Amino acid sequence: MSAPVRNEVVYGAGFFRDVQKLQHEVQEKLAELLDVLARDAFEFSGQHTIKLLVADHRNRIYKRLARL
């Protein structure tokens, strides 16, 4: 059996700065989700690069992404 594929996760310049502004509980949940993303991102077959640009609350994220 082959080793599980690990995806490459690349972070945008302000991603970690954004994460520091989130509540502690949200930061912990995000850390868990990032681990899952790196290990098995939506059942991709093969290695993929995933770029995380920003982190914010749901009600603000789409406006921020529109400015990128």
C-alpha atoms as a PDB file:
ATOM      1  CA  MET A   1       0.000   0.000   0.000  1.00  0.00           C
ATOM      2  CA  SER A   2       1.394   3.419  -0.922  1.00  0.00           C
ATOM      3  CA  ALA A   3       1.922   6.262   1.526  1.00  0.00           C
ATOM      4  CA  PRO A   4      -0.911   8.810   1.751  1.00  0.00           C
ATOM      5  CA  VAL A   5      -0.536  11.837  -0.503  1.00  0.00           C
ATOM      6  CA  ARG A   6       0.156  15.082   1.308  1.00  0.00           C
ATOM      7  CA  ASN A   7      -1.009  18.265  -0.311  1.00  0.00           C
ATOM      8  CA  GLU A   8       1.141  21.369  -0.282  1.00  0.00           C
ATOM      9  CA  VAL A   9      -0.516  24.220   1.594  1.00  0.00           C
ATOM     10  CA  VAL A  10       0.808  27.700   0.717  1.00  0.00           C
ATOM     11  CA  TYR A  11      -0.187  30.711   2.777  1.00  0.00           C
ATOM     12  CA  GLY A  12      -0.792  34.246   1.501  1.00  0.00           C
ATOM     13  CA  ALA A  13       1.196  37.131   2.981  1.00  0.00           C
ATOM     14  CA  GLY A  14      -1.488  38.197   5.466  1.00  0.00           C
ATOM     15  CA  PHE A  15      -2.990  34.823   6.347  1.00  0.00           C
ATOM     16  CA  PHE A  16      -1.268  34.341   9.708  1.00  0.00           C
ATOM     17  CA  ARG A  17      -1.808  37.985  10.655  1.00  0.00           C
ATOM     18  CA  ASP A  18      -5.519  37.414  10.009  1.00  0.00           C
ATOM     19  CA  VAL A  19      -5.525  34.216  12.063  1.00  0.00           C
ATOM     20  CA  GLN A  20      -4.062  36.058  15.071  1.00  0.00           C
ATOM     21  CA  LYS A  21      -7.099  38.373  15.023  1.00  0.00           C
ATOM     22  CA  LEU A  22      -9.555  35.469  15.316  1.00  0.00           C
ATOM     23  CA  GLN A  23     -10.904  34.200  18.626  1.00  0.00           C
ATOM     24  CA  HIS A  24      -8.792  31.509  20.275  1.00  0.00           C
ATOM     25  CA  GLU A  25     -11.461  28.827  19.804  1.00  0.00           C
ATOM     26  CA  VAL A  26     -11.646  29.656  16.092  1.00  0.00           C
ATOM     27  CA  GLN A  27      -7.850  29.477  15.793  1.00  0.00           C
ATOM     28  CA  GLU A  28      -7.856  25.996  17.327  1.00  0.00           C
ATOM     29  CA  LYS A  29     -10.596  24.757  14.978  1.00  0.00           C
ATOM     30  CA  LEU A  30      -8.760  26.276  12.013  1.00  0.00           C
ATOM     31  CA  ALA A  31      -5.561  24.449  12.998  1.00  0.00           C
ATOM     32  CA  GLU A  32      -7.463  21.146  12.984  1.00  0.00           C
ATOM     33  CA  LEU A  33      -9.000  21.898   9.596  1.00  0.00           C
ATOM     34  CA  LEU A  34      -5.643  22.871   8.098  1.00  0.00           C
ATOM     35  CA  ASP A  35      -4.236  19.515   9.164  1.00  0.00           C
ATOM     36  CA  VAL A  36      -7.125  17.711   7.452  1.00  0.00           C
ATOM     37  CA  LEU A  37      -6.651  19.883   4.362  1.00  0.00           C
ATOM     38  CA  ALA A  38      -2.964  18.988   4.150  1.00  0.00           C
ATOM     39  CA  ARG A  39      -3.633  15.269   4.635  1.00  0.00           C
ATOM     40  CA  ASP A  40      -6.713  14.676   2.503  1.00  0.00           C
ATOM     41  CA  ALA A  41      -8.223  17.708   0.814  1.00  0.00           C
ATOM     42  CA  PHE A  42     -11.621  16.642  -0.551  1.00  0.00           C
ATOM     43  CA  GLU A  43     -10.325  13.358  -1.900  1.00  0.00           C
ATOM     44  CA  PHE A  44      -7.950  14.779  -4.521  1.00  0.00           C
ATOM     45  CA  SER A  45      -6.111  12.070  -6.382  1.00  0.00           C
ATOM     46  CA  GLY A  46      -2.491  13.100  -6.526  1.00  0.00           C
ATOM     47  CA  GLN A  47      -0.623  15.981  -4.977  1.00  0.00           C
ATOM     48  CA  HIS A  48      -2.094  19.477  -5.166  1.00  0.00           C
ATOM     49  CA  THR A  49      -1.068  22.939  -4.022  1.00  0.00           C
ATOM     50  CA  ILE A  50      -3.656  24.798  -1.977  1.00  0.00           C
ATOM     51  CA  LYS A  51      -3.151  28.535  -1.399  1.00  0.00           C
ATOM     52  CA  LEU A  52      -4.862  30.119   1.593  1.00  0.00           C
ATOM     53  CA  LEU A  53      -5.068  33.873   1.071  1.00  0.00           C
ATOM     54  CA  VAL A  54      -6.993  35.294   4.012  1.00  0.00           C
ATOM     55  CA  ALA A  55      -8.768  34.199   7.169  1.00  0.00           C
ATOM     56  CA  ASP A  56     -11.785  36.075   8.461  1.00  0.00           C
ATOM     57  CA  HIS A  57     -15.320  35.654   9.676  1.00  0.00           C
ATOM     58  CA  ARG A  58     -17.877  34.370   7.199  1.00  0.00           C
ATOM     59  CA  ASN A  59     -19.728  37.682   7.002  1.00  0.00           C
ATOM     60  CA  ARG A  60     -16.575  39.543   5.849  1.00  0.00           C
ATOM     61  CA  ILE A  61     -14.584  37.033   3.822  1.00  0.00           C
ATOM     62  CA  TYR A  62     -16.271  37.464   0.437  1.00  0.00           C
ATOM     63  CA  LYS A  63     -15.810  41.245   0.465  1.00  0.00           C
ATOM     64  CA  ARG A  64     -12.136  40.820   1.318  1.00  0.00           C
ATOM     65  CA  LEU A  65     -11.593  38.233  -1.395  1.00  0.00           C
ATOM     66  CA  ALA A  66     -13.246  40.491  -3.965  1.00  0.00           C
ATOM     67  CA  ARG A  67     -10.528  43.083  -3.290  1.00  0.00           C
ATOM     68  CA  LEU A  68      -7.660  40.658  -4.006  1.00  0.00           C
END
